[in-house]
Amino acid sequence: NAAAVQAFSIGRHLGVQFHPEVDAEQLADWFAQDADARRSGVDVEEFVRYATTFRGRLIEQADRLVGHFLGEVI
């Protein structure tokens, strides 16, 4: 994105700066335990709402990412 590199690959290696496996419930749990994120102005409800609304799409994208990785290393 405009702020930073979120993923990269070098040869057979893949690095990501996010957790593609996280669903809305786990995200809500993380935010509930992270007072710094809540104080920083992060719109917790919007993140959880997005993860809930686009659940199917996010699962599909995570599956594609993992599939790509596995296709490269196997």
C-alpha atoms as a PDB file:
ATOM      1  CA  ASN A   1       0.000   0.000   0.000  1.00  0.00           C
ATOM      2  CA  ALA A   2       1.068   3.644   0.023  1.00  0.00           C
ATOM      3  CA  ALA A   3       2.506   3.378   3.548  1.00  0.00           C
ATOM      4  CA  ALA A   4       4.740   0.330   3.254  1.00  0.00           C
ATOM      5  CA  VAL A   5       5.453  -2.993   1.599  1.00  0.00           C
ATOM      6  CA  GLN A   6       2.909  -5.527   2.839  1.00  0.00           C
ATOM      7  CA  ALA A   7       4.266  -8.671   1.176  1.00  0.00           C
ATOM      8  CA  PHE A   8       7.301  -9.767  -0.786  1.00  0.00           C
ATOM      9  CA  SER A   9       8.855 -12.838  -2.280  1.00  0.00           C
ATOM     10  CA  ILE A  10      12.465 -13.684  -2.957  1.00  0.00           C
ATOM     11  CA  GLY A  11      12.930 -16.967  -4.735  1.00  0.00           C
ATOM     12  CA  ARG A  12      10.973 -19.596  -2.804  1.00  0.00           C
ATOM     13  CA  HIS A  13      10.524 -17.322   0.227  1.00  0.00           C
ATOM     14  CA  LEU A  14       7.407 -15.298   0.984  1.00  0.00           C
ATOM     15  CA  GLY A  15       7.113 -12.667   3.697  1.00  0.00           C
ATOM     16  CA  VAL A  16       3.950 -10.869   4.772  1.00  0.00           C
ATOM     17  CA  GLN A  17       3.406  -7.968   7.168  1.00  0.00           C
ATOM     18  CA  PHE A  18      -0.096  -9.066   8.139  1.00  0.00           C
ATOM     19  CA  HIS A  19      -2.047 -12.116   9.271  1.00  0.00           C
ATOM     20  CA  PRO A  20      -4.106 -13.488   6.354  1.00  0.00           C
ATOM     21  CA  GLU A  21      -5.548 -16.205   8.604  1.00  0.00           C
ATOM     22  CA  VAL A  22      -7.285 -13.836  11.053  1.00  0.00           C
ATOM     23  CA  ASP A  23     -11.070 -13.638  11.066  1.00  0.00           C
ATOM     24  CA  ALA A  24     -13.338 -10.955  12.537  1.00  0.00           C
ATOM     25  CA  GLU A  25     -13.701 -12.735  15.879  1.00  0.00           C
ATOM     26  CA  GLN A  26      -9.962 -13.060  16.415  1.00  0.00           C
ATOM     27  CA  LEU A  27      -9.439  -9.468  15.263  1.00  0.00           C
ATOM     28  CA  ALA A  28     -11.983  -8.254  17.822  1.00  0.00           C
ATOM     29  CA  ASP A  29     -10.199 -10.285  20.520  1.00  0.00           C
ATOM     30  CA  TRP A  30      -6.848  -8.773  19.583  1.00  0.00           C
ATOM     31  CA  PHE A  31      -8.216  -5.244  19.719  1.00  0.00           C
ATOM     32  CA  ALA A  32      -9.926  -5.944  23.039  1.00  0.00           C
ATOM     33  CA  GLN A  33      -6.510  -6.783  24.477  1.00  0.00           C
ATOM     34  CA  ASP A  34      -4.618  -3.923  22.767  1.00  0.00           C
ATOM     35  CA  ALA A  35      -5.260  -0.651  24.585  1.00  0.00           C
ATOM     36  CA  ASP A  36      -2.506   1.068  22.568  1.00  0.00           C
ATOM     37  CA  ALA A  37      -4.306   0.372  19.288  1.00  0.00           C
ATOM     38  CA  ARG A  38      -7.592   1.663  20.687  1.00  0.00           C
ATOM     39  CA  ARG A  39      -5.900   4.838  21.979  1.00  0.00           C
ATOM     40  CA  SER A  40      -4.041   5.407  18.702  1.00  0.00           C
ATOM     41  CA  GLY A  41      -7.224   6.308  16.874  1.00  0.00           C
ATOM     42  CA  VAL A  42      -7.632   2.996  15.066  1.00  0.00           C
ATOM     43  CA  ASP A  43     -11.304   2.514  14.253  1.00  0.00           C
ATOM     44  CA  VAL A  44     -11.662  -0.910  15.842  1.00  0.00           C
ATOM     45  CA  GLU A  45     -15.323  -1.279  14.940  1.00  0.00           C
ATOM     46  CA  GLU A  46     -14.592  -0.473  11.284  1.00  0.00           C
ATOM     47  CA  PHE A  47     -11.844  -3.098  11.074  1.00  0.00           C
ATOM     48  CA  VAL A  48     -14.122  -5.742  12.601  1.00  0.00           C
ATOM     49  CA  ARG A  49     -17.064  -4.673  10.423  1.00  0.00           C
ATOM     50  CA  TYR A  50     -14.876  -4.908   7.300  1.00  0.00           C
ATOM     51  CA  ALA A  51     -13.613  -8.379   8.277  1.00  0.00           C
ATOM     52  CA  THR A  52     -17.205  -9.491   8.874  1.00  0.00           C
ATOM     53  CA  THR A  53     -18.642  -7.958   5.696  1.00  0.00           C
ATOM     54  CA  PHE A  54     -15.919  -9.267   3.400  1.00  0.00           C
ATOM     55  CA  ARG A  55     -15.350 -12.578   5.167  1.00  0.00           C
ATOM     56  CA  GLY A  56     -15.741 -14.708   2.030  1.00  0.00           C
ATOM     57  CA  ARG A  57     -13.478 -12.498  -0.044  1.00  0.00           C
ATOM     58  CA  LEU A  58     -10.809 -12.418   2.669  1.00  0.00           C
ATOM     59  CA  ILE A  59     -10.864 -16.216   2.978  1.00  0.00           C
ATOM     60  CA  GLU A  60     -10.526 -16.528  -0.796  1.00  0.00           C
ATOM     61  CA  GLN A  61      -7.580 -14.128  -0.864  1.00  0.00           C
ATOM     62  CA  ALA A  62      -5.844 -15.907   2.026  1.00  0.00           C
ATOM     63  CA  ASP A  63      -6.366 -19.247   0.274  1.00  0.00           C
ATOM     64  CA  ARG A  64      -4.876 -17.831  -2.942  1.00  0.00           C
ATOM     65  CA  LEU A  65      -1.876 -16.463  -1.055  1.00  0.00           C
ATOM     66  CA  VAL A  66      -1.200 -19.772   0.701  1.00  0.00           C
ATOM     67  CA  GLY A  67      -1.807 -21.664  -2.555  1.00  0.00           C
ATOM     68  CA  HIS A  68       0.698 -19.459  -4.369  1.00  0.00           C
ATOM     69  CA  PHE A  69       3.251 -20.000  -1.622  1.00  0.00           C
ATOM     70  CA  LEU A  70       2.751 -23.772  -1.637  1.00  0.00           C
ATOM     71  CA  GLY A  71       3.004 -23.828  -5.430  1.00  0.00           C
ATOM     72  CA  GLU A  72       6.407 -22.166  -5.183  1.00  0.00           C
ATOM     73  CA  VAL A  73       7.942 -24.274  -2.420  1.00  0.00           C
ATOM     74  CA  ILE A  74       6.583 -27.726  -3.207  1.00  0.00           C
END
